[in-house]
């Protein structure tokens, strides 16, 4: 009886320890089976051996059954702990993603944009290149919301996001600040003309019609551009500068792209 009790306690403790590494289920299950299956088989075979004690067979069969039950319950524990670990890490990943993602378009938000900007600026300093901040504001978007409703407006914003994603390189970043304002972070520039070419392409692609249900909707986009390090090294300063250039672009006829100049910084500081 002392032998049976000792084996039960050892296997109960061992199964509990093994089940704690359920985050690696293959290793856990293999370790558990290697520890228990030979013992179950040995106990069952020993029960079949002749013995003068009349309870010998029953006791060893019971012990084999107990160890088998411990094994089965441990396997269930492994499965449960693994599912719980996956759900926990998935939830953490989703929460982190939501904190840095625009819910409507799936683009980066301001927090994520700031992190990307820091990385792009560090790379620009190493390669002696430039980073351009394109501040986009849709022309005529308010009329879509007013005449066709916010669902139609949301559909247009999602399509704008998809078009922007199709235009930029993998090292560039697109963000939505809110409403109909977007930011394109263009990295690894050698000269300003590269930013101007992208801005013109953005205006051309965004100005193409949008099919929303049975309606064909049209908008345009104005762009203000600020380049670093020429106009500053901080994201907020560059955004303010690009916003000032965007204001001038809208005032001069919309569907245009203008570079930030010193007067835009003065205007932004006054605002």
C-alpha atoms as a PDB file:
ATOM      1  CA  UNK A   1       0.000   0.000   0.000  1.00  0.00           C
ATOM      2  CA  UNK A   2       2.913   2.318   0.774  1.00  0.00           C
ATOM      3  CA  UNK A   3       4.304   1.584  -2.699  1.00  0.00           C
ATOM      4  CA  UNK A   4       0.950   2.336  -4.361  1.00  0.00           C
ATOM      5  CA  UNK A   5       0.492   5.565  -2.423  1.00  0.00           C
ATOM      6  CA  UNK A   6       4.024   6.726  -3.248  1.00  0.00           C
ATOM      7  CA  UNK A   7       3.587   6.090  -6.975  1.00  0.00           C
ATOM      8  CA  UNK A   8       0.249   7.926  -6.976  1.00  0.00           C
ATOM      9  CA  UNK A   9       1.720  10.969  -5.255  1.00  0.00           C
ATOM     10  CA  UNK A  10       4.762  11.061  -7.518  1.00  0.00           C
ATOM     11  CA  UNK A  11       2.735  10.832 -10.692  1.00  0.00           C
ATOM     12  CA  UNK A  12       0.174  13.342  -9.462  1.00  0.00           C
ATOM     13  CA  UNK A  13       2.952  15.827  -8.729  1.00  0.00           C
ATOM     14  CA  UNK A  14       4.795  15.070 -11.969  1.00  0.00           C
ATOM     15  CA  UNK A  15       1.684  15.473 -14.097  1.00  0.00           C
ATOM     16  CA  UNK A  16       0.999  18.841 -12.491  1.00  0.00           C
ATOM     17  CA  UNK A  17       4.526  20.054 -13.241  1.00  0.00           C
ATOM     18  CA  UNK A  18       4.440  18.837 -16.838  1.00  0.00           C
ATOM     19  CA  UNK A  19       1.064  20.431 -17.504  1.00  0.00           C
ATOM     20  CA  UNK A  20       2.512  23.843 -16.614  1.00  0.00           C
ATOM     21  CA  UNK A  21       4.545  23.875 -19.824  1.00  0.00           C
ATOM     22  CA  UNK A  22       1.358  23.698 -21.873  1.00  0.00           C
ATOM     23  CA  UNK A  23       2.478  26.677 -23.947  1.00  0.00           C
ATOM     24  CA  UNK A  24       4.649  24.117 -25.741  1.00  0.00           C
ATOM     25  CA  UNK A  25       2.029  21.394 -26.190  1.00  0.00           C
ATOM     26  CA  UNK A  26       4.094  18.964 -28.284  1.00  0.00           C
ATOM     27  CA  UNK A  27       6.932  18.883 -25.755  1.00  0.00           C
ATOM     28  CA  UNK A  28       4.462  18.716 -22.894  1.00  0.00           C
ATOM     29  CA  UNK A  29       2.389  15.853 -24.286  1.00  0.00           C
ATOM     30  CA  UNK A  30       5.423  13.804 -25.338  1.00  0.00           C
ATOM     31  CA  UNK A  31       7.039  14.269 -21.913  1.00  0.00           C
ATOM     32  CA  UNK A  32       3.836  13.314 -20.154  1.00  0.00           C
ATOM     33  CA  UNK A  33       3.292  10.180 -22.221  1.00  0.00           C
ATOM     34  CA  UNK A  34       6.927   9.107 -21.870  1.00  0.00           C
ATOM     35  CA  UNK A  35       6.588   9.425 -18.098  1.00  0.00           C
ATOM     36  CA  UNK A  36       3.261   7.657 -17.673  1.00  0.00           C
ATOM     37  CA  UNK A  37       2.667   5.084 -20.425  1.00  0.00           C
ATOM     38  CA  UNK A  38       5.581   2.793 -19.465  1.00  0.00           C
ATOM     39  CA  UNK A  39       4.473   2.899 -15.824  1.00  0.00           C
ATOM     40  CA  UNK A  40       0.869   2.078 -16.737  1.00  0.00           C
ATOM     41  CA  UNK A  41       2.039  -0.858 -18.843  1.00  0.00           C
ATOM     42  CA  UNK A  42       4.381  -2.096 -16.099  1.00  0.00           C
ATOM     43  CA  UNK A  43       1.673  -1.909 -13.440  1.00  0.00           C
ATOM     44  CA  UNK A  44      -0.805  -3.737 -15.652  1.00  0.00           C
ATOM     45  CA  UNK A  45       1.718  -6.485 -16.496  1.00  0.00           C
ATOM     46  CA  UNK A  46       2.712  -6.840 -12.836  1.00  0.00           C
ATOM     47  CA  UNK A  47      -0.946  -7.271 -11.926  1.00  0.00           C
ATOM     48  CA  UNK A  48      -1.063 -10.345 -14.130  1.00  0.00           C
ATOM     49  CA  UNK A  49       1.846 -12.022 -12.338  1.00  0.00           C
ATOM     50  CA  UNK A  50       0.903 -14.746  -9.821  1.00  0.00           C
ATOM     51  CA  UNK A  51       1.207 -13.616  -6.200  1.00  0.00           C
ATOM     52  CA  UNK A  52       0.171 -15.132  -2.860  1.00  0.00           C
ATOM     53  CA  UNK A  53      -1.576 -11.908  -1.804  1.00  0.00           C
ATOM     54  CA  UNK A  54      -5.217 -12.212  -2.994  1.00  0.00           C
ATOM     55  CA  UNK A  55      -5.487  -8.411  -3.469  1.00  0.00           C
ATOM     56  CA  UNK A  56      -2.287  -8.168  -5.503  1.00  0.00           C
ATOM     57  CA  UNK A  57      -3.990  -8.143  -8.917  1.00  0.00           C
ATOM     58  CA  UNK A  58      -6.762  -5.740  -7.910  1.00  0.00           C
ATOM     59  CA  UNK A  59      -4.379  -3.265  -6.252  1.00  0.00           C
ATOM     60  CA  UNK A  60      -1.993  -3.035  -9.192  1.00  0.00           C
ATOM     61  CA  UNK A  61      -4.864  -2.765 -11.686  1.00  0.00           C
ATOM     62  CA  UNK A  62      -6.320   0.057  -9.583  1.00  0.00           C
ATOM     63  CA  UNK A  63      -2.911   1.730  -9.532  1.00  0.00           C
ATOM     64  CA  UNK A  64      -2.609   1.409 -13.329  1.00  0.00           C
ATOM     65  CA  UNK A  65      -6.102   2.907 -13.665  1.00  0.00           C
ATOM     66  CA  UNK A  66      -5.207   5.808 -11.336  1.00  0.00           C
ATOM     67  CA  UNK A  67      -2.070   6.641 -13.301  1.00  0.00           C
ATOM     68  CA  UNK A  68      -4.035   6.384 -16.573  1.00  0.00           C
ATOM     69  CA  UNK A  69      -6.662   8.757 -15.174  1.00  0.00           C
ATOM     70  CA  UNK A  70      -3.939  11.182 -14.088  1.00  0.00           C
ATOM     71  CA  UNK A  71      -2.524  11.041 -17.615  1.00  0.00           C
ATOM     72  CA  UNK A  72      -5.909  11.694 -19.218  1.00  0.00           C
ATOM     73  CA  UNK A  73      -6.716  14.585 -16.890  1.00  0.00           C
ATOM     74  CA  UNK A  74      -3.254  16.056 -17.440  1.00  0.00           C
ATOM     75  CA  UNK A  75      -3.735  15.949 -21.206  1.00  0.00           C
ATOM     76  CA  UNK A  76      -7.027  17.799 -20.798  1.00  0.00           C
ATOM     77  CA  UNK A  77      -5.265  20.348 -18.589  1.00  0.00           C
ATOM     78  CA  UNK A  78      -2.564  20.810 -21.225  1.00  0.00           C
ATOM     79  CA  UNK A  79      -5.214  21.467 -23.892  1.00  0.00           C
ATOM     80  CA  UNK A  80      -7.074  23.922 -21.646  1.00  0.00           C
ATOM     81  CA  UNK A  81      -3.950  25.832 -20.613  1.00  0.00           C
ATOM     82  CA  UNK A  82      -2.736  26.016 -24.209  1.00  0.00           C
ATOM     83  CA  UNK A  83      -6.081  27.421 -25.404  1.00  0.00           C
ATOM     84  CA  UNK A  84      -6.082  29.917 -22.536  1.00  0.00           C
ATOM     85  CA  UNK A  85      -2.514  31.007 -23.333  1.00  0.00           C
ATOM     86  CA  UNK A  86      -3.321  31.452 -27.021  1.00  0.00           C
ATOM     87  CA  UNK A  87      -6.473  33.450 -26.223  1.00  0.00           C
ATOM     88  CA  UNK A  88      -4.555  35.612 -23.741  1.00  0.00           C
ATOM     89  CA  UNK A  89      -1.732  36.427 -26.144  1.00  0.00           C
ATOM     90  CA  UNK A  90      -4.185  36.962 -29.004  1.00  0.00           C
ATOM     91  CA  UNK A  91      -6.204  39.389 -26.894  1.00  0.00           C
ATOM     92  CA  UNK A  92      -3.045  41.278 -25.900  1.00  0.00           C
ATOM     93  CA  UNK A  93      -1.957  41.441 -29.534  1.00  0.00           C
ATOM     94  CA  UNK A  94      -5.385  42.667 -30.644  1.00  0.00           C
ATOM     95  CA  UNK A  95      -5.495  45.310 -27.921  1.00  0.00           C
ATOM     96  CA  UNK A  96      -2.017  46.551 -28.843  1.00  0.00           C
ATOM     97  CA  UNK A  97      -3.032  46.617 -32.505  1.00  0.00           C
ATOM     98  CA  UNK A  98      -6.240  48.532 -31.780  1.00  0.00           C
ATOM     99  CA  UNK A  99      -4.306  51.095 -29.751  1.00  0.00           C
ATOM    100  CA  UNK A 100      -2.176  51.886 -32.806  1.00  0.00           C
ATOM    101  CA  UNK A 101      -4.696  51.397 -35.613  1.00  0.00           C
ATOM    102  CA  UNK A 102      -7.489  53.514 -37.022  1.00  0.00           C
ATOM    103  CA  UNK A 103     -10.661  51.487 -36.509  1.00  0.00           C
ATOM    104  CA  UNK A 104     -12.361  52.559 -39.752  1.00  0.00           C
ATOM    105  CA  UNK A 105      -9.556  52.186 -42.287  1.00  0.00           C
ATOM    106  CA  UNK A 106      -7.065  49.890 -40.590  1.00  0.00           C
ATOM    107  CA  UNK A 107      -4.319  52.472 -41.144  1.00  0.00           C
ATOM    108  CA  UNK A 108      -1.894  53.674 -38.502  1.00  0.00           C
ATOM    109  CA  UNK A 109      -3.176  56.276 -36.049  1.00  0.00           C
ATOM    110  CA  UNK A 110      -1.277  59.213 -34.545  1.00  0.00           C
ATOM    111  CA  UNK A 111       0.420  57.047 -31.888  1.00  0.00           C
ATOM    112  CA  UNK A 112       1.657  54.559 -34.455  1.00  0.00           C
ATOM    113  CA  UNK A 113       2.665  57.371 -36.806  1.00  0.00           C
ATOM    114  CA  UNK A 114       4.890  58.861 -34.113  1.00  0.00           C
ATOM    115  CA  UNK A 115       6.654  55.535 -33.584  1.00  0.00           C
ATOM    116  CA  UNK A 116       7.177  55.029 -37.319  1.00  0.00           C
ATOM    117  CA  UNK A 117       8.444  58.588 -37.695  1.00  0.00           C
ATOM    118  CA  UNK A 118      11.118  58.061 -35.064  1.00  0.00           C
ATOM    119  CA  UNK A 119      12.340  54.949 -36.858  1.00  0.00           C
ATOM    120  CA  UNK A 120      12.363  56.643 -40.264  1.00  0.00           C
ATOM    121  CA  UNK A 121      14.226  59.667 -38.904  1.00  0.00           C
ATOM    122  CA  UNK A 122      16.868  57.464 -37.302  1.00  0.00           C
ATOM    123  CA  UNK A 123      17.374  55.708 -40.650  1.00  0.00           C
ATOM    124  CA  UNK A 124      17.487  59.070 -42.466  1.00  0.00           C
ATOM    125  CA  UNK A 125      20.274  60.300 -40.192  1.00  0.00           C
ATOM    126  CA  UNK A 126      22.298  57.167 -40.897  1.00  0.00           C
ATOM    127  CA  UNK A 127      21.897  57.457 -44.678  1.00  0.00           C
ATOM    128  CA  UNK A 128      21.872  61.270 -44.893  1.00  0.00           C
ATOM    129  CA  UNK A 129      18.467  61.181 -46.624  1.00  0.00           C
ATOM    130  CA  UNK A 130      15.205  63.074 -46.147  1.00  0.00           C
ATOM    131  CA  UNK A 131      11.751  62.225 -44.831  1.00  0.00           C
ATOM    132  CA  UNK A 132       8.660  63.909 -46.265  1.00  0.00           C
ATOM    133  CA  UNK A 133       5.413  64.392 -44.354  1.00  0.00           C
ATOM    134  CA  UNK A 134       2.416  64.691 -46.693  1.00  0.00           C
ATOM    135  CA  UNK A 135      -0.659  66.173 -44.996  1.00  0.00           C
ATOM    136  CA  UNK A 136      -3.780  65.234 -46.995  1.00  0.00           C
ATOM    137  CA  UNK A 137      -7.242  66.712 -46.686  1.00  0.00           C
ATOM    138  CA  UNK A 138     -10.093  65.553 -48.933  1.00  0.00           C
ATOM    139  CA  UNK A 139     -11.856  68.250 -50.969  1.00  0.00           C
ATOM    140  CA  UNK A 140     -15.635  67.892 -51.171  1.00  0.00           C
ATOM    141  CA  UNK A 141     -15.903  65.124 -48.598  1.00  0.00           C
ATOM    142  CA  UNK A 142     -18.337  67.008 -46.365  1.00  0.00           C
ATOM    143  CA  UNK A 143     -20.830  67.165 -49.254  1.00  0.00           C
ATOM    144  CA  UNK A 144     -20.774  63.364 -49.501  1.00  0.00           C
ATOM    145  CA  UNK A 145     -21.639  63.017 -45.826  1.00  0.00           C
ATOM    146  CA  UNK A 146     -24.359  65.663 -46.117  1.00  0.00           C
ATOM    147  CA  UNK A 147     -26.042  64.295 -49.251  1.00  0.00           C
ATOM    148  CA  UNK A 148     -25.371  60.538 -49.071  1.00  0.00           C
ATOM    149  CA  UNK A 149     -24.955  59.899 -45.353  1.00  0.00           C
ATOM    150  CA  UNK A 150     -22.081  58.835 -43.147  1.00  0.00           C
ATOM    151  CA  UNK A 151     -22.049  55.175 -44.346  1.00  0.00           C
ATOM    152  CA  UNK A 152     -21.236  56.424 -47.838  1.00  0.00           C
ATOM    153  CA  UNK A 153     -18.592  58.729 -46.376  1.00  0.00           C
ATOM    154  CA  UNK A 154     -17.058  55.842 -44.455  1.00  0.00           C
ATOM    155  CA  UNK A 155     -16.963  53.749 -47.634  1.00  0.00           C
ATOM    156  CA  UNK A 156     -15.115  56.548 -49.443  1.00  0.00           C
ATOM    157  CA  UNK A 157     -12.602  56.874 -46.595  1.00  0.00           C
ATOM    158  CA  UNK A 158     -11.890  53.143 -46.689  1.00  0.00           C
ATOM    159  CA  UNK A 159     -11.374  53.273 -50.448  1.00  0.00           C
ATOM    160  CA  UNK A 160      -9.061  56.288 -50.092  1.00  0.00           C
ATOM    161  CA  UNK A 161      -7.007  54.255 -47.617  1.00  0.00           C
ATOM    162  CA  UNK A 162      -6.783  51.323 -50.052  1.00  0.00           C
ATOM    163  CA  UNK A 163      -5.694  53.588 -52.901  1.00  0.00           C
ATOM    164  CA  UNK A 164      -3.016  55.190 -50.766  1.00  0.00           C
ATOM    165  CA  UNK A 165      -1.714  51.792 -49.690  1.00  0.00           C
ATOM    166  CA  UNK A 166      -1.436  50.778 -53.343  1.00  0.00           C
ATOM    167  CA  UNK A 167       0.637  53.864 -54.185  1.00  0.00           C
ATOM    168  CA  UNK A 168       3.336  53.890 -51.526  1.00  0.00           C
ATOM    169  CA  UNK A 169       6.394  51.722 -50.946  1.00  0.00           C
ATOM    170  CA  UNK A 170       6.747  49.231 -48.126  1.00  0.00           C
ATOM    171  CA  UNK A 171       8.996  51.608 -46.164  1.00  0.00           C
ATOM    172  CA  UNK A 172       6.442  54.424 -46.343  1.00  0.00           C
ATOM    173  CA  UNK A 173       3.681  54.854 -43.747  1.00  0.00           C
ATOM    174  CA  UNK A 174       0.046  55.909 -44.139  1.00  0.00           C
ATOM    175  CA  UNK A 175      -1.927  57.190 -41.172  1.00  0.00           C
ATOM    176  CA  UNK A 176      -5.369  58.668 -40.604  1.00  0.00           C
ATOM    177  CA  UNK A 177      -5.519  61.439 -38.050  1.00  0.00           C
ATOM    178  CA  UNK A 178      -9.317  61.543 -38.033  1.00  0.00           C
ATOM    179  CA  UNK A 179     -12.139  62.792 -40.209  1.00  0.00           C
ATOM    180  CA  UNK A 180     -10.856  63.149 -43.773  1.00  0.00           C
ATOM    181  CA  UNK A 181      -7.255  63.933 -42.820  1.00  0.00           C
ATOM    182  CA  UNK A 182      -4.513  61.498 -43.824  1.00  0.00           C
ATOM    183  CA  UNK A 183      -0.746  61.506 -43.444  1.00  0.00           C
ATOM    184  CA  UNK A 184       1.722  59.849 -45.789  1.00  0.00           C
ATOM    185  CA  UNK A 185       5.209  59.469 -44.353  1.00  0.00           C
ATOM    186  CA  UNK A 186       7.598  59.127 -47.285  1.00  0.00           C
ATOM    187  CA  UNK A 187      11.045  57.896 -46.289  1.00  0.00           C
ATOM    188  CA  UNK A 188      14.494  57.689 -47.870  1.00  0.00           C
ATOM    189  CA  UNK A 189      14.280  60.719 -50.173  1.00  0.00           C
ATOM    190  CA  UNK A 190      17.256  62.185 -51.978  1.00  0.00           C
ATOM    191  CA  UNK A 191      15.577  65.361 -53.219  1.00  0.00           C
ATOM    192  CA  UNK A 192      12.273  67.240 -52.895  1.00  0.00           C
ATOM    193  CA  UNK A 193      11.110  66.316 -56.395  1.00  0.00           C
ATOM    194  CA  UNK A 194      10.457  62.745 -55.232  1.00  0.00           C
ATOM    195  CA  UNK A 195       7.946  64.047 -52.680  1.00  0.00           C
ATOM    196  CA  UNK A 196       6.344  66.272 -55.324  1.00  0.00           C
ATOM    197  CA  UNK A 197       5.954  63.341 -57.715  1.00  0.00           C
ATOM    198  CA  UNK A 198       4.239  61.245 -55.037  1.00  0.00           C
ATOM    199  CA  UNK A 199       1.933  64.122 -54.098  1.00  0.00           C
ATOM    200  CA  UNK A 200       0.873  64.590 -57.718  1.00  0.00           C
ATOM    201  CA  UNK A 201       0.211  60.880 -58.056  1.00  0.00           C
ATOM    202  CA  UNK A 202      -1.866  60.938 -54.854  1.00  0.00           C
ATOM    203  CA  UNK A 203      -3.963  63.825 -56.215  1.00  0.00           C
ATOM    204  CA  UNK A 204      -4.506  62.018 -59.487  1.00  0.00           C
ATOM    205  CA  UNK A 205      -5.502  58.672 -57.943  1.00  0.00           C
ATOM    206  CA  UNK A 206      -7.653  60.046 -55.124  1.00  0.00           C
ATOM    207  CA  UNK A 207      -9.539  62.293 -57.569  1.00  0.00           C
ATOM    208  CA  UNK A 208     -10.801  59.310 -59.567  1.00  0.00           C
ATOM    209  CA  UNK A 209     -14.541  58.515 -59.055  1.00  0.00           C
ATOM    210  CA  UNK A 210     -15.763  56.253 -56.243  1.00  0.00           C
ATOM    211  CA  UNK A 211     -18.545  53.718 -56.744  1.00  0.00           C
ATOM    212  CA  UNK A 212     -20.628  53.489 -53.569  1.00  0.00           C
ATOM    213  CA  UNK A 213     -23.688  51.286 -54.057  1.00  0.00           C
ATOM    214  CA  UNK A 214     -25.437  52.853 -57.075  1.00  0.00           C
ATOM    215  CA  UNK A 215     -23.791  56.253 -56.724  1.00  0.00           C
ATOM    216  CA  UNK A 216     -20.696  57.534 -58.494  1.00  0.00           C
ATOM    217  CA  UNK A 217     -19.019  59.990 -56.123  1.00  0.00           C
ATOM    218  CA  UNK A 218     -16.137  62.340 -56.802  1.00  0.00           C
ATOM    219  CA  UNK A 219     -13.756  64.156 -54.500  1.00  0.00           C
ATOM    220  CA  UNK A 220     -10.280  65.613 -54.772  1.00  0.00           C
ATOM    221  CA  UNK A 221      -7.435  66.054 -52.323  1.00  0.00           C
ATOM    222  CA  UNK A 222      -5.123  68.872 -51.314  1.00  0.00           C
ATOM    223  CA  UNK A 223      -1.644  68.129 -50.018  1.00  0.00           C
ATOM    224  CA  UNK A 224       0.785  70.045 -47.832  1.00  0.00           C
ATOM    225  CA  UNK A 225       4.361  68.738 -47.709  1.00  0.00           C
ATOM    226  CA  UNK A 226       7.043  69.278 -45.071  1.00  0.00           C
ATOM    227  CA  UNK A 227      10.463  67.674 -45.340  1.00  0.00           C
ATOM    228  CA  UNK A 228      12.888  66.748 -42.610  1.00  0.00           C
ATOM    229  CA  UNK A 229      15.481  67.753 -41.663  1.00  0.00           C
ATOM    230  CA  UNK A 230      14.996  70.928 -43.725  1.00  0.00           C
ATOM    231  CA  UNK A 231      11.825  72.074 -41.922  1.00  0.00           C
ATOM    232  CA  UNK A 232      12.506  70.426 -38.578  1.00  0.00           C
ATOM    233  CA  UNK A 233      13.188  67.159 -36.829  1.00  0.00           C
ATOM    234  CA  UNK A 234      10.067  66.797 -34.666  1.00  0.00           C
ATOM    235  CA  UNK A 235       6.874  65.239 -35.960  1.00  0.00           C
ATOM    236  CA  UNK A 236       4.529  67.836 -34.449  1.00  0.00           C
ATOM    237  CA  UNK A 237       6.507  70.682 -35.992  1.00  0.00           C
ATOM    238  CA  UNK A 238       6.465  68.983 -39.394  1.00  0.00           C
ATOM    239  CA  UNK A 239       2.734  68.287 -39.141  1.00  0.00           C
ATOM    240  CA  UNK A 240       2.040  71.921 -38.288  1.00  0.00           C
ATOM    241  CA  UNK A 241       4.238  73.041 -41.160  1.00  0.00           C
ATOM    242  CA  UNK A 242       2.563  70.677 -43.625  1.00  0.00           C
ATOM    243  CA  UNK A 243      -0.844  71.756 -42.342  1.00  0.00           C
ATOM    244  CA  UNK A 244       0.044  75.375 -43.108  1.00  0.00           C
ATOM    245  CA  UNK A 245       1.061  74.414 -46.646  1.00  0.00           C
ATOM    246  CA  UNK A 246      -2.176  72.449 -46.967  1.00  0.00           C
ATOM    247  CA  UNK A 247      -4.171  75.536 -45.970  1.00  0.00           C
ATOM    248  CA  UNK A 248      -2.465  77.534 -48.718  1.00  0.00           C
ATOM    249  CA  UNK A 249      -3.142  74.743 -51.230  1.00  0.00           C
ATOM    250  CA  UNK A 250      -6.855  74.784 -50.430  1.00  0.00           C
ATOM    251  CA  UNK A 251      -6.996  78.574 -50.542  1.00  0.00           C
ATOM    252  CA  UNK A 252      -5.332  78.633 -53.952  1.00  0.00           C
ATOM    253  CA  UNK A 253      -7.852  76.358 -55.651  1.00  0.00           C
ATOM    254  CA  UNK A 254      -7.704  72.880 -54.028  1.00  0.00           C
ATOM    255  CA  UNK A 255      -6.434  69.652 -55.620  1.00  0.00           C
ATOM    256  CA  UNK A 256      -2.923  71.019 -55.310  1.00  0.00           C
ATOM    257  CA  UNK A 257       0.293  70.132 -53.513  1.00  0.00           C
ATOM    258  CA  UNK A 258       2.470  72.806 -51.919  1.00  0.00           C
ATOM    259  CA  UNK A 259       5.669  72.588 -49.919  1.00  0.00           C
ATOM    260  CA  UNK A 260       5.932  74.114 -46.485  1.00  0.00           C
ATOM    261  CA  UNK A 261       7.834  77.386 -46.242  1.00  0.00           C
ATOM    262  CA  UNK A 262       8.889  79.500 -43.282  1.00  0.00           C
ATOM    263  CA  UNK A 263       5.669  81.509 -43.353  1.00  0.00           C
ATOM    264  CA  UNK A 264       3.715  78.296 -42.727  1.00  0.00           C
ATOM    265  CA  UNK A 265       5.692  77.742 -39.546  1.00  0.00           C
ATOM    266  CA  UNK A 266       4.880  81.271 -38.414  1.00  0.00           C
ATOM    267  CA  UNK A 267       1.198  80.741 -39.201  1.00  0.00           C
ATOM    268  CA  UNK A 268       1.172  77.400 -37.369  1.00  0.00           C
ATOM    269  CA  UNK A 269       2.863  78.927 -34.330  1.00  0.00           C
ATOM    270  CA  UNK A 270       0.321  81.765 -34.257  1.00  0.00           C
ATOM    271  CA  UNK A 271      -2.565  79.280 -34.504  1.00  0.00           C
END
